[in-house]
C-alpha atoms as a PDB file:
ATOM      1  CA  MET A   1      -7.887  -6.795 -11.973  1.00  0.00           C
ATOM      2  CA  ALA A   2      -6.363  -8.452  -8.653  1.00  0.00           C
ATOM      3  CA  SER A   3      -8.011  -5.979  -6.450  1.00  0.00           C
ATOM      4  CA  ALA A   4     -11.362  -6.996  -9.042  1.00  0.00           C
ATOM      5  CA  LEU A   5     -10.903 -10.909  -7.967  1.00  0.00           C
ATOM      6  CA  ILE A   6     -10.299 -10.286  -3.837  1.00  0.00           C
ATOM      7  CA  LEU A   7     -13.686  -7.946  -3.957  1.00  0.00           C
ATOM      8  CA  THR A   8     -15.650 -10.785  -5.231  1.00  0.00           C
ATOM      9  CA  GLU A   9     -15.008 -12.238  -2.129  1.00  0.00           C
ATOM     10  CA  ARG A  10     -17.265  -9.324  -0.430  1.00  0.00           C
ATOM     11  CA  ASP A  11     -20.840  -9.490   0.636  1.00  0.00           C
ATOM     12  CA  ALA A  12     -22.640  -8.048  -2.301  1.00  0.00           C
ATOM     13  CA  GLU A  13     -26.050  -8.807  -2.151  1.00  0.00           C
ATOM     14  CA  LEU A  14     -27.309  -4.978  -2.390  1.00  0.00           C
ATOM     15  CA  ASP A  15     -24.713  -4.447  -5.374  1.00  0.00           C
ATOM     16  CA  ASP A  16     -25.944  -4.029  -8.559  1.00  0.00           C
ATOM     17  CA  ASN A  17     -23.215  -6.022 -10.399  1.00  0.00           C
ATOM     18  CA  LYS A  18     -22.704  -9.225  -7.694  1.00  0.00           C
ATOM     19  CA  PRO A  19     -20.482 -11.537  -9.196  1.00  0.00           C
ATOM     20  CA  LYS A  20     -22.012 -14.728  -9.518  1.00  0.00           C
ATOM     21  CA  VAL A  21     -19.521 -16.856  -7.571  1.00  0.00           C
ATOM     22  CA  LYS A  22     -17.359 -15.426  -5.000  1.00  0.00           C
ATOM     23  CA  GLY A  23     -13.608 -15.864  -5.734  1.00  0.00           C
ATOM     24  CA  ARG A  24     -14.067 -16.626  -9.351  1.00  0.00           C
ATOM     25  CA  ILE A  25     -13.117 -14.351 -12.584  1.00  0.00           C
ATOM     26  CA  ILE A  26     -13.341 -15.057 -16.017  1.00  0.00           C
ATOM     27  CA  THR A  27     -10.538 -13.445 -18.068  1.00  0.00           C
ATOM     28  CA  THR A  28      -8.527 -14.025 -20.154  1.00  0.00           C
ATOM     29  CA  LEU A  29      -5.567 -16.924 -19.678  1.00  0.00           C
ATOM     30  CA  GLN A  30      -3.428 -14.912 -20.627  1.00  0.00           C
ATOM     31  CA  LYS A  31      -4.288 -11.922 -18.242  1.00  0.00           C
ATOM     32  CA  ALA A  32      -4.729 -14.977 -15.714  1.00  0.00           C
ATOM     33  CA  LYS A  33      -1.344 -15.947 -15.854  1.00  0.00           C
ATOM     34  CA  GLU A  34       0.059 -12.373 -16.016  1.00  0.00           C
ATOM     35  CA  VAL A  35      -2.369 -11.514 -12.830  1.00  0.00           C
ATOM     36  CA  ARG A  36      -1.952 -14.473 -10.720  1.00  0.00           C
ATOM     37  CA  PRO A  37       1.664 -14.050  -9.043  1.00  0.00           C
ATOM     38  CA  LEU A  38       0.288 -10.439  -8.098  1.00  0.00           C
ATOM     39  CA  VAL A  39      -2.505 -12.362  -5.857  1.00  0.00           C
ATOM     40  CA  GLU A  40      -0.060 -14.920  -4.678  1.00  0.00           C
ATOM     41  CA  LYS A  41       2.222 -11.774  -3.535  1.00  0.00           C
ATOM     42  CA  CYS A  42      -0.867 -10.243  -1.917  1.00  0.00           C
ATOM     43  CA  ILE A  43      -2.145 -13.042  -0.276  1.00  0.00           C
ATOM     44  CA  THR A  44       1.341 -13.813   1.271  1.00  0.00           C
ATOM     45  CA  ILE A  45       1.955 -10.562   2.486  1.00  0.00           C
ATOM     46  CA  ALA A  46      -1.799 -11.136   4.430  1.00  0.00           C
ATOM     47  CA  ARG A  47      -0.798 -14.273   5.741  1.00  0.00           C
ATOM     48  CA  LYS A  48       2.301 -13.173   7.130  1.00  0.00           C
ATOM     49  CA  ALA A  49       0.730 -10.610   8.999  1.00  0.00           C
ATOM     50  CA  GLN A  50      -1.986 -12.632  11.312  1.00  0.00           C
ATOM     51  CA  SER A  51       0.684 -12.968  13.893  1.00  0.00           C
ATOM     52  CA  HIS A  52       0.873  -9.306  13.912  1.00  0.00           C
ATOM     53  CA  ILE A  53      -2.428  -9.005  14.002  1.00  0.00           C
ATOM     54  CA  ASP A  54      -2.926 -11.223  16.639  1.00  0.00           C
ATOM     55  CA  ALA A  55      -0.545 -10.349  19.026  1.00  0.00           C
ATOM     56  CA  ALA A  56      -2.037  -7.011  18.165  1.00  0.00           C
ATOM     57  CA  ASN A  57      -5.154  -7.739  19.424  1.00  0.00           C
ATOM     58  CA  ALA A  58      -4.150  -9.400  22.675  1.00  0.00           C
ATOM     59  CA  LEU A  59      -2.840  -6.033  24.064  1.00  0.00           C
ATOM     60  CA  ARG A  60      -5.465  -4.189  22.618  1.00  0.00           C
ATOM     61  CA  THR A  61      -7.989  -2.394  25.344  1.00  0.00           C
ATOM     62  CA  ASP A  62     -11.564  -1.724  24.672  1.00  0.00           C
ATOM     63  CA  ALA A  63     -11.869   1.267  26.200  1.00  0.00           C
ATOM     64  CA  ASP A  64     -13.604   4.374  24.126  1.00  0.00           C
ATOM     65  CA  ARG A  65     -11.370   6.691  22.331  1.00  0.00           C
ATOM     66  CA  ARG A  66     -12.241   9.468  24.095  1.00  0.00           C
ATOM     67  CA  SER A  67     -12.506   8.298  27.902  1.00  0.00           C
ATOM     68  CA  ASP A  68     -10.054   8.682  30.414  1.00  0.00           C
ATOM     69  CA  GLU A  69      -9.139   5.506  30.300  1.00  0.00           C
ATOM     70  CA  PHE A  70      -8.025   5.534  27.175  1.00  0.00           C
ATOM     71  CA  LYS A  71      -5.915   8.498  27.632  1.00  0.00           C
ATOM     72  CA  LYS A  72      -3.994   6.224  30.671  1.00  0.00           C
ATOM     73  CA  TRP A  73      -3.871   3.192  28.538  1.00  0.00           C
ATOM     74  CA  ARG A  74      -2.391   5.280  26.174  1.00  0.00           C
ATOM     75  CA  GLN A  75       0.388   6.822  28.255  1.00  0.00           C
ATOM     76  CA  SER A  76       1.376   2.878  29.619  1.00  0.00           C
ATOM     77  CA  GLU A  77       3.526   0.642  28.698  1.00  0.00           C
ATOM     78  CA  GLU A  78       1.266  -1.193  27.355  1.00  0.00           C
ATOM     79  CA  TRP A  79       0.436   1.092  24.887  1.00  0.00           C
ATOM     80  CA  ALA A  80       3.955   0.506  23.622  1.00  0.00           C
ATOM     81  CA  LYS A  81       3.666  -2.821  23.334  1.00  0.00           C
ATOM     82  CA  TRP A  82       0.619  -2.323  21.119  1.00  0.00           C
ATOM     83  CA  ASN A  83       2.434   0.163  19.284  1.00  0.00           C
ATOM     84  CA  ALA A  84       5.432  -2.080  18.408  1.00  0.00           C
ATOM     85  CA  ALA A  85       2.864  -5.237  18.057  1.00  0.00           C
ATOM     86  CA  VAL A  86       0.697  -3.920  15.211  1.00  0.00           C
ATOM     87  CA  ALA A  87       3.540  -1.523  13.458  1.00  0.00           C
ATOM     88  CA  PRO A  88       4.375  -4.779  11.090  1.00  0.00           C
ATOM     89  CA  ALA A  89       0.809  -4.734  10.454  1.00  0.00           C
ATOM     90  CA  VAL A  90       0.414  -2.226   9.235  1.00  0.00           C
ATOM     91  CA  ALA A  91       3.269  -1.942   7.373  1.00  0.00           C
ATOM     92  CA  ALA A  92       2.000  -5.654   5.410  1.00  0.00           C
ATOM     93  CA  ARG A  93      -1.621  -3.169   4.813  1.00  0.00           C
ATOM     94  CA  ARG A  94       0.149  -0.629   2.874  1.00  0.00           C
ATOM     95  CA  ARG A  95       2.700  -2.587   1.259  1.00  0.00           C
ATOM     96  CA  ALA A  96      -0.812  -4.243  -0.345  1.00  0.00           C
ATOM     97  CA  LEU A  97      -2.619  -0.925  -0.744  1.00  0.00           C
ATOM     98  CA  LYS A  98       0.415   0.200  -2.660  1.00  0.00           C
ATOM     99  CA  LEU A  99      -0.119  -3.442  -5.270  1.00  0.00           C
ATOM    100  CA  LEU A 100      -3.776  -3.692  -5.367  1.00  0.00           C
ATOM    101  CA  GLY A 101      -4.757   0.427  -5.086  1.00  0.00           C
ATOM    102  CA  ASP A 102      -8.018  -0.190  -2.919  1.00  0.00           C
ATOM    103  CA  LYS A 103      -8.686   0.158   0.460  1.00  0.00           C
ATOM    104  CA  GLN A 104     -12.118  -2.015   0.193  1.00  0.00           C
ATOM    105  CA  ALA A 105      -9.756  -5.390  -1.115  1.00  0.00           C
ATOM    106  CA  VAL A 106      -6.941  -4.981   1.237  1.00  0.00           C
ATOM    107  CA  SER A 107      -9.534  -5.262   3.940  1.00  0.00           C
ATOM    108  CA  ILE A 108     -10.851  -8.179   2.435  1.00  0.00           C
ATOM    109  CA  LEU A 109      -7.412  -9.850   2.045  1.00  0.00           C
ATOM    110  CA  PHE A 110      -6.311  -8.873   5.540  1.00  0.00           C
ATOM    111  CA  ASN A 111      -9.958 -10.039   7.212  1.00  0.00           C
ATOM    112  CA  GLU A 112     -10.993 -12.840   5.027  1.00  0.00           C
ATOM    113  CA  LEU A 113      -8.427 -13.952   3.373  1.00  0.00           C
ATOM    114  CA  GLY A 114      -5.426 -13.868   4.965  1.00  0.00           C
ATOM    115  CA  PRO A 115      -6.724 -16.204   8.259  1.00  0.00           C
ATOM    116  CA  ARG A 116      -8.307 -18.473   5.407  1.00  0.00           C
ATOM    117  CA  PHE A 117      -5.571 -19.337   3.920  1.00  0.00           C
ATOM    118  CA  LEU A 118      -3.120 -19.261   7.583  1.00  0.00           C
ATOM    119  CA  ASP A 119      -2.183 -22.645   7.229  1.00  0.00           C
ATOM    120  CA  ARG A 120      -1.279 -23.013   3.209  1.00  0.00           C
ATOM    121  CA  ASN A 121       2.375 -22.319   2.105  1.00  0.00           C
ATOM    122  CA  GLY A 122       1.274 -21.140  -1.744  1.00  0.00           C
ATOM    123  CA  GLY A 123      -0.618 -22.058  -4.049  1.00  0.00           C
ATOM    124  CA  TYR A 124      -3.584 -20.028  -3.317  1.00  0.00           C
ATOM    125  CA  THR A 125      -5.271 -19.531  -6.745  1.00  0.00           C
ATOM    126  CA  ARG A 126      -5.822 -21.707  -9.739  1.00  0.00           C
ATOM    127  CA  ILE A 127      -6.155 -21.060 -13.324  1.00  0.00           C
ATOM    128  CA  LEU A 128      -9.059 -23.518 -15.499  1.00  0.00           C
ATOM    129  CA  LYS A 129      -8.568 -23.085 -19.030  1.00  0.00           C
ATOM    130  CA  LEU A 130     -12.567 -22.477 -20.494  1.00  0.00           C
ATOM    131  CA  ALA A 131     -13.019 -25.155 -23.701  1.00  0.00           C
ATOM    132  CA  LYS A 132     -15.164 -22.148 -25.519  1.00  0.00           C
ATOM    133  CA  PRO A 133     -12.887 -19.109 -27.148  1.00  0.00           C
ATOM    134  CA  ARG A 134     -14.078 -15.554 -26.342  1.00  0.00           C
ATOM    135  CA  LEU A 135     -16.665 -14.627 -28.493  1.00  0.00           C
ATOM    136  CA  GLY A 136     -15.483 -11.764 -31.073  1.00  0.00           C
ATOM    137  CA  ASP A 137     -11.863 -12.353 -31.312  1.00  0.00           C
ATOM    138  CA  ALA A 138     -11.434 -16.398 -30.006  1.00  0.00           C
ATOM    139  CA  GLY A 139      -9.185 -15.249 -27.058  1.00  0.00           C
ATOM    140  CA  ASP A 140      -8.506 -18.497 -25.016  1.00  0.00           C
ATOM    141  CA  ARG A 141     -10.621 -17.895 -21.906  1.00  0.00           C
ATOM    142  CA  ALA A 142     -10.017 -18.477 -18.494  1.00  0.00           C
ATOM    143  CA  ILE A 143     -11.245 -18.891 -14.973  1.00  0.00           C
ATOM    144  CA  LEU A 144      -9.232 -17.618 -11.860  1.00  0.00           C
ATOM    145  CA  GLU A 145      -9.904 -18.395  -8.411  1.00  0.00           C
ATOM    146  CA  PHE A 146      -9.465 -19.118  -4.425  1.00  0.00           C
ATOM    147  CA  VAL A 147      -8.868 -22.665  -3.982  1.00  0.00           C
ATOM    148  CA  GLY A 148     -10.020 -24.398  -0.799  1.00  0.00           C
ATOM    149  CA  VAL A 149     -14.274 -23.551  -1.287  1.00  0.00           C
ATOM    150  CA  ARG A 150     -15.327 -25.614  -4.381  1.00  0.00           C
ATOM    151  CA  ASP A 151     -12.403 -27.800  -4.526  1.00  0.00           C
ATOM    152  CA  ARG A 152     -13.073 -31.054  -5.100  1.00  0.00           C
ATOM    153  CA  GLY A 153     -12.200 -34.268  -2.492  1.00  0.00           C
ATOM    154  CA  ALA A 154     -10.952 -37.506  -3.777  1.00  0.00           C
ATOM    155  CA  LYS A 155     -14.052 -40.136  -3.462  1.00  0.00           C
ATOM    156  CA  ALA A 156     -13.922 -44.167  -3.157  1.00  0.00           C
ATOM    157  CA  ALA A 157     -15.134 -45.600  -5.891  1.00  0.00           C
ATOM    158  CA  PRO A 158     -18.179 -48.390  -4.892  1.00  0.00           C
ATOM    159  CA  LYS A 159     -17.043 -51.810  -5.172  1.00  0.00           C
ATOM    160  CA  PRO A 160     -18.987 -53.214  -8.349  1.00  0.00           C
ATOM    161  CA  ALA A 161     -20.964 -56.052  -6.638  1.00  0.00           C
ATOM    162  CA  PHE A 162     -20.871 -59.102  -8.930  1.00  0.00           C
ATOM    163  CA  GLU A 163     -23.475 -62.173  -9.076  1.00  0.00           C
ATOM    164  CA  THR A 164     -21.755 -64.183  -6.434  1.00  0.00           C
ATOM    165  CA  GLU A 165     -21.347 -61.832  -4.122  1.00  0.00           C
ATOM    166  CA  ALA A 166     -25.194 -60.931  -4.690  1.00  0.00           C
ATOM    167  CA  ALA A 167     -26.119 -64.351  -4.109  1.00  0.00           C
ATOM    168  CA  ALA A 168     -24.223 -65.311  -1.354  1.00  0.00           C
ATOM    169  CA  ALA A 169     -25.954 -62.488   1.054  1.00  0.00           C
ATOM    170  CA  GLU A 170     -29.026 -63.402   0.490  1.00  0.00           C
END
């Protein structure tokens, strides 16, 4: 279910079963409460790996893998620095893959969700309890979604205009 939530973030225009809303699934309340810590842990792993990914991208070469330039770079000291910088990111990807079990979900996690929640220290998901129970067994339903996309901001209420102010303005 954690990978299903993450996979709703992908670009699914051509899929037969594309999600209605990105980053949101509807499930039972108990399942949502159970899967939430796993999703939060996976996002934390991706978030902490972002610094290593950025450091590795700064050291990487743009040469084609079959070119002589790439072979020279591979034997240089720059490659050793790149290798040391990318190793924690690879370990983080493997750890997330072990938790999620889906390569595409891990790719979305590290490419989209990790950078999105870089400045947030937790609380990446929210659970909203739905009023109507599930048809059939009357199980409590809930929405499990990522925060930050459809957040409502606090809006100041407009000041009421009193008759004395309206008359003074005229």
